[in-house]
Structure formats: structure tokens, C-alpha cells
Amino acid sequence: MNKKLGVLILSLVMISVLALGFVAAIDPIESLGNQIAKLIEPANRALHFIVGDTAGKIDASTIFLSKILLLILIISLVSLILDRIPILSDSSTMKWVISIVVGILGIRFLSGDIVAAILLPYNTMAIAMSIIFPFIIYGAFVYSTIYTPTGRRIAWAFFGLVFLFIWFMRASDESLGNVTSLYPLAAAVSLGMMLIDGTIARLQKRMAKEKAMSVTAYRHYLDLLKEYETAEQRYTTAVRVGNAKAIAAAKSELNKLDVALSALKV
């Protein structure tokens, strides 16, 4: 069993789950759907046997799909870990067998309530990422398109007001729990960005200068290498001829070039 076969197995699992939902959702072609359902019924039974209990505080279909996704996640992570173990990385069959067994054992006996608890950090992460990524994208937009301090401060103030508005609209949503506190926090960060705009702008200019200097330093490095090669050739020629004065001059030049290269930390 190679990597392609392992990916194929995971793909078949996902296709089976999606096909079940697809068949159940389409009424106009119910007869065709029934035929497809009969074809995939063995796979459906096998999946339900692997998944195990789906009873819990949330609906069974959510728990079932969550367990399938957790199975795929566990198998993928275990496979990556086993790739780093020499005795197993050379055997694709053993690696995938162990990964699949660990994955099945990992999700088979999870109760629905435990799955619901597992989903909470993912929900929190999704909400946090929904705040952080727009923040990063907006910051990149502000500092790449707005060149005046006043304009940037107005942009950050507007961004903070948007977060406060979202917080006001979702404050009563009990399903979000304490996650709603991220919105006023993001608004506070927007206010902080307004206050340190000058520092960030100076840092941005400094980084741009350092980037330009690094290109110049690299060109200088290439020039020093050429000079070093030329000096070595002169030194070799002077040694072969036996010209003491030329040897001393070549040595002196090589020492200077060594110092220059050392200054560039290369």
C-alpha cells in the first residue's frame, strides 16, 4: 500500500459521506438516488461501524461527519509522524496500516459529548481566525496604499468601529459564549494601531531600507569575490616567479579582502 492508495481510501471515505448527503438532498431523482444508496450501503454500514456511537447533545449527523473528519485528521497526522521514524518510513504498507488502525481506535469509542467538546476549540479557532486574518489583510492594505498618517489613523478608527458594531450585534448570541469578547479586543487593537502608527511607519521604512541594503551588500560581496580570485592569481604567480615584493603585496591585498568579507559575515 503506497501513498496514492492511502489517499484513495481517504477520498473514498469522503465521497461516501458526501454521496449520502447528496442523495438525501435531491428529490427529483429519488429513484436514481435510491439505486445509488443501495450501491453505497455496504460502505455506509462499514463507516457507521467504524465511527461507532453518534448519540449526544448535538445531532447525530454532525457527530458522524465530525468523527469522519477526525479520522482523516488523525490518520494524516500519524502518517506524517511515522514518516520521521526510519524503521517505518521505508515501509509504506506498515505506515498506513498503523495510521489507519490508530485513527479507527482514536474515534471508534468517542462519545457524542466528547466529540462536541472536541469541536469547541475548532469553533473558537475559526472565530479567532475570522478576526485575525481580516486584521492582517486590512493592515497590509492600510500600510501599502495609504501614505499619510492622518489617513491611516482614520482607516484604523473605521476598522475599530466595525468591530464594535459586530460586537453589539452579536453580544446576545449565547452560542458564541465568551468568544464575543474578541470583538472589543480587536477594536482595542485598532485603537492601539492608531496610537503607534508613527512607530509602525518608521519601522516599515527601515525594513525597506534594510531590504535595499541587502541587495547592495550582495552585489558588493560578488565584487569582493572577483577581486579575491584576481588577488589569489597574482599571489600564485608571484610565488611561482619568486618575486618577494609581489608576494607581500598580494598577501596584503588578500588580508584586506578577508577583512571585508568578514565584515559582510559571509
Protein backbone atom coordinates (compact mmCIF):
# COMPACT_ATOMS: atom_id res chain seq x y z
CA MET A 1 0.00 0.00 0.00
CA ASN A 2 1.57 3.26 -1.10
CA LYS A 3 0.72 6.88 -0.51
CA LYS A 4 -1.62 7.03 -3.50
CA LEU A 5 -3.62 4.09 -2.18
CA GLY A 6 -3.86 5.68 1.25
CA VAL A 7 -5.10 8.92 -0.30
CA LEU A 8 -7.57 6.89 -2.38
CA ILE A 9 -9.00 5.24 0.75
CA LEU A 10 -9.47 8.61 2.45
CA SER A 11 -11.05 10.01 -0.71
CA LEU A 12 -13.50 7.10 -0.90
CA VAL A 13 -14.50 7.71 2.71
CA MET A 14 -15.20 11.38 2.00
CA ILE A 15 -17.02 10.60 -1.26
CA SER A 16 -19.25 8.08 0.53
CA VAL A 17 -20.20 10.61 3.19
CA LEU A 18 -20.88 13.35 0.64
CA ALA A 19 -22.77 10.98 -1.63
CA LEU A 20 -25.12 10.05 1.21
CA GLY A 21 -25.92 13.70 1.84
CA PHE A 22 -26.24 14.38 -1.87
CA VAL A 23 -28.68 11.52 -2.42
CA ALA A 24 -30.78 12.53 0.57
CA ALA A 25 -30.99 16.14 -0.60
CA ILE A 26 -32.23 15.53 -4.18
CA ASP A 27 -35.93 14.75 -4.51
CA PRO A 28 -36.48 14.98 -8.32
CA ILE A 29 -34.25 11.96 -8.97
CA GLU A 30 -35.32 9.92 -5.97
CA SER A 31 -35.34 6.60 -7.83
CA LEU A 32 -31.78 7.12 -9.04
CA GLY A 33 -30.85 8.20 -5.56
CA ASN A 34 -32.25 5.00 -4.10
CA GLN A 35 -30.18 2.95 -6.53
CA ILE A 36 -27.04 4.85 -5.61
CA ALA A 37 -27.88 4.47 -1.92
CA LYS A 38 -28.14 0.69 -2.36
CA LEU A 39 -24.73 0.60 -4.05
CA ILE A 40 -23.03 2.51 -1.28
CA GLU A 41 -24.99 0.87 1.55
CA PRO A 42 -22.12 -1.57 2.40
CA ALA A 43 -19.69 1.35 2.66
CA ASN A 44 -22.25 3.23 4.74
CA ARG A 45 -22.58 0.33 7.16
CA ALA A 46 -18.83 -0.06 7.39
CA LEU A 47 -18.45 3.65 8.14
CA HIS A 48 -21.10 3.55 10.84
CA PHE A 49 -19.41 0.53 12.39
CA ILE A 50 -16.03 2.34 12.37
CA VAL A 51 -17.49 5.59 13.67
CA GLY A 52 -19.47 3.96 16.47
CA ASP A 53 -21.80 5.87 18.77
CA THR A 54 -23.24 9.11 17.37
CA ALA A 55 -25.63 9.98 20.21
CA GLY A 56 -25.01 13.22 22.05
CA LYS A 57 -26.17 16.75 22.77
CA ILE A 58 -25.79 17.71 19.10
CA ASP A 59 -27.46 15.95 16.18
CA ALA A 60 -26.17 12.54 15.08
CA SER A 61 -25.29 13.65 11.53
CA THR A 62 -22.96 16.34 12.89
CA ILE A 63 -21.27 13.87 15.21
CA PHE A 64 -20.96 11.33 12.38
CA LEU A 65 -19.35 13.83 9.99
CA SER A 66 -17.11 15.17 12.78
CA LYS A 67 -15.86 11.68 13.57
CA ILE A 68 -15.10 11.02 9.89
CA LEU A 69 -13.13 14.27 9.66
CA LEU A 70 -11.32 13.47 12.91
CA LEU A 71 -10.47 10.03 11.50
CA ILE A 72 -8.93 11.61 8.40
CA LEU A 73 -7.06 14.15 10.54
CA ILE A 74 -5.65 11.50 12.88
CA ILE A 75 -4.58 9.22 10.02
CA SER A 76 -2.87 12.10 8.25
CA LEU A 77 -1.02 13.28 11.36
CA VAL A 78 0.06 9.78 12.39
CA SER A 79 1.29 9.15 8.84
CA LEU A 80 3.40 12.32 8.96
CA ILE A 81 4.86 11.28 12.33
CA LEU A 82 5.66 7.76 11.13
CA ASP A 83 7.47 9.23 8.14
CA ARG A 84 10.08 10.50 10.60
CA ILE A 85 10.68 7.05 12.11
CA PRO A 86 13.36 5.29 9.98
CA ILE A 87 12.16 1.74 10.64
CA LEU A 88 8.64 2.61 9.43
CA SER A 89 9.26 5.33 6.85
CA ASP A 90 10.74 2.75 4.46
CA SER A 91 7.59 0.58 4.62
CA SER A 92 4.53 2.31 3.19
CA THR A 93 2.32 -0.67 3.99
CA MET A 94 3.16 -0.73 7.70
CA LYS A 95 2.97 3.05 7.94
CA TRP A 96 -0.56 3.21 6.50
CA VAL A 97 -1.76 0.14 8.42
CA ILE A 98 -0.63 1.66 11.71
CA SER A 99 -2.04 5.08 10.77
CA ILE A 100 -5.45 3.64 9.89
CA VAL A 101 -5.59 1.40 12.99
CA VAL A 102 -4.63 4.29 15.27
CA GLY A 103 -7.19 6.52 13.57
CA ILE A 104 -10.02 4.00 13.93
CA LEU A 105 -9.15 3.29 17.57
CA GLY A 106 -8.96 7.00 18.15
CA ILE A 107 -12.53 7.78 17.05
CA ARG A 108 -14.38 4.45 17.45
CA PHE A 109 -15.11 4.80 21.18
CA LEU A 110 -15.54 8.58 21.35
CA SER A 111 -18.96 9.52 22.69
CA GLY A 112 -21.03 12.23 21.09
CA ASP A 113 -20.48 14.53 24.07
CA ILE A 114 -16.70 14.16 23.79
CA VAL A 115 -16.89 14.97 20.08
CA ALA A 116 -18.93 18.07 20.89
CA ALA A 117 -16.26 19.10 23.40
CA ILE A 118 -13.54 18.49 20.80
CA LEU A 119 -15.36 20.76 18.36
CA LEU A 120 -15.34 23.73 20.76
CA PRO A 121 -11.64 24.64 20.26
CA TYR A 122 -12.12 24.39 16.48
CA ASN A 123 -15.12 26.71 16.70
CA THR A 124 -13.08 29.13 18.79
CA MET A 125 -10.17 28.91 16.36
CA ALA A 126 -12.48 29.56 13.41
CA ILE A 127 -13.93 32.64 15.08
CA ALA A 128 -10.48 33.89 16.11
CA MET A 129 -9.12 33.35 12.60
CA SER A 130 -12.13 35.16 11.18
CA ILE A 131 -10.95 38.16 13.21
CA ILE A 132 -7.17 37.83 12.88
CA PHE A 133 -6.91 37.27 9.14
CA PRO A 134 -9.05 40.26 8.13
CA PHE A 135 -6.98 42.28 10.61
CA ILE A 136 -3.73 41.23 8.93
CA ILE A 137 -5.11 41.78 5.43
CA TYR A 138 -6.51 45.17 6.39
CA GLY A 139 -3.20 46.20 7.97
CA ALA A 140 -1.32 45.24 4.82
CA PHE A 141 -3.82 47.26 2.79
CA VAL A 142 -3.51 50.32 5.03
CA TYR A 143 0.31 50.47 5.04
CA SER A 144 0.69 49.68 1.34
CA THR A 145 -1.90 52.12 -0.03
CA ILE A 146 -2.32 54.97 2.47
CA TYR A 147 0.78 57.15 2.80
CA THR A 148 -0.40 59.88 5.17
CA PRO A 149 -0.56 59.40 8.97
CA THR A 150 -3.99 61.03 9.19
CA GLY A 151 -5.40 58.75 6.51
CA ARG A 152 -4.07 55.64 8.25
CA ARG A 153 -5.46 56.71 11.62
CA ILE A 154 -8.89 57.32 10.08
CA ALA A 155 -8.73 53.87 8.46
CA TRP A 156 -7.89 52.20 11.77
CA ALA A 157 -10.63 54.15 13.57
CA PHE A 158 -13.17 52.96 10.99
CA PHE A 159 -11.94 49.38 11.38
CA GLY A 160 -12.35 49.56 15.15
CA LEU A 161 -15.88 50.94 14.80
CA VAL A 162 -16.78 48.00 12.55
CA PHE A 163 -15.65 45.53 15.22
CA LEU A 164 -17.62 47.39 17.88
CA PHE A 165 -20.70 47.25 15.66
CA ILE A 166 -20.27 43.48 15.13
CA TRP A 167 -19.82 43.02 18.89
CA PHE A 168 -23.01 44.98 19.54
CA MET A 169 -24.92 42.85 17.03
CA ARG A 170 -23.61 39.51 18.38
CA ALA A 171 -23.41 40.26 22.08
CA SER A 172 -26.71 38.49 22.71
CA ASP A 173 -25.73 35.35 20.77
CA GLU A 174 -25.27 32.78 23.55
CA SER A 175 -23.90 30.16 21.13
CA LEU A 176 -20.68 32.17 20.81
CA GLY A 177 -20.05 32.17 24.56
CA ASN A 178 -17.02 34.20 25.68
CA VAL A 179 -15.71 34.36 22.13
CA THR A 180 -17.61 37.61 21.60
CA SER A 181 -15.02 39.30 23.82
CA LEU A 182 -12.62 39.03 20.88
CA TYR A 183 -14.51 41.75 19.04
CA PRO A 184 -13.94 44.57 21.57
CA LEU A 185 -10.37 43.28 21.90
CA ALA A 186 -9.92 43.70 18.14
CA ALA A 187 -11.40 47.20 18.40
CA ALA A 188 -8.91 48.00 21.17
CA VAL A 189 -6.07 46.73 19.00
CA SER A 190 -7.31 49.00 16.19
CA LEU A 191 -7.12 51.91 18.64
CA GLY A 192 -3.60 50.83 19.58
CA MET A 193 -2.64 50.77 15.90
CA MET A 194 -3.83 54.36 15.65
CA LEU A 195 -1.60 55.38 18.57
CA ILE A 196 1.56 53.62 17.31
CA ASP A 197 1.04 54.42 13.63
CA GLY A 198 4.16 56.60 13.53
CA THR A 199 6.32 53.84 15.01
CA ILE A 200 4.99 51.27 12.53
CA ALA A 201 5.52 53.63 9.60
CA ARG A 202 9.14 54.27 10.67
CA LEU A 203 9.68 50.53 11.09
CA GLN A 204 8.25 49.94 7.61
CA LYS A 205 10.64 52.48 6.09
CA ARG A 206 13.57 50.96 7.98
CA MET A 207 12.71 47.49 6.71
CA ALA A 208 12.51 48.82 3.16
CA LYS A 209 15.96 50.39 3.54
CA GLU A 210 17.42 47.20 5.00
CA LYS A 211 15.99 45.22 2.11
CA ALA A 212 17.60 47.59 -0.38
CA MET A 213 20.87 47.48 1.55
CA SER A 214 20.90 43.70 1.49
CA VAL A 215 20.79 43.75 -2.31
CA THR A 216 23.64 46.26 -2.38
CA ALA A 217 25.61 44.18 0.10
CA TYR A 218 25.17 41.08 -2.03
CA ARG A 219 26.47 42.89 -5.10
CA HIS A 220 29.41 44.14 -3.05
CA TYR A 221 30.02 40.55 -1.95
CA LEU A 222 30.17 39.37 -5.56
CA ASP A 223 32.61 42.16 -6.41
CA LEU A 224 34.81 41.20 -3.45
CA LEU A 225 34.83 37.57 -4.61
CA LYS A 226 36.04 38.60 -8.05
CA GLU A 227 38.76 40.76 -6.51
CA TYR A 228 39.72 37.87 -4.23
CA GLU A 229 40.09 35.48 -7.16
CA THR A 230 42.24 38.02 -9.00
CA ALA A 231 44.41 38.58 -5.90
CA GLU A 232 44.87 34.81 -5.47
CA GLN A 233 46.00 34.51 -9.07
CA ARG A 234 48.53 37.32 -8.54
CA TYR A 235 49.75 35.65 -5.36
CA THR A 236 50.15 32.28 -7.13
CA THR A 237 52.04 33.92 -9.99
CA ALA A 238 54.29 35.84 -7.60
CA VAL A 239 55.11 32.64 -5.68
CA ARG A 240 55.90 30.78 -8.89
CA VAL A 241 58.16 33.58 -10.14
CA GLY A 242 59.71 34.09 -6.73
CA ASN A 243 59.07 37.85 -6.56
CA ALA A 244 59.12 38.64 -2.83
CA LYS A 245 57.74 42.16 -3.28
CA ALA A 246 54.81 40.92 -5.35
CA ILE A 247 54.16 38.13 -2.85
CA ALA A 248 53.97 40.62 0.02
CA ALA A 249 51.68 42.93 -1.93
CA ALA A 250 49.39 40.03 -2.88
CA LYS A 251 49.27 38.80 0.74
CA SER A 252 48.39 42.28 1.95
CA GLU A 253 45.59 42.56 -0.58
CA LEU A 254 44.22 39.12 0.35
CA ASN A 255 44.21 40.07 4.04
CA LYS A 256 42.25 43.25 3.29
CA LEU A 257 39.73 41.29 1.24
CA ASP A 258 39.37 38.74 4.06
CA VAL A 259 38.55 41.55 6.46
CA ALA A 260 36.00 43.00 4.02
CA LEU A 261 34.33 39.60 3.55
CA SER A 262 34.27 39.02 7.31
CA ALA A 263 32.54 42.37 7.75
CA LEU A 264 29.76 41.10 5.47
CA LYS A 265 29.50 37.96 7.64
CA VAL A 266 29.98 35.55 4.75
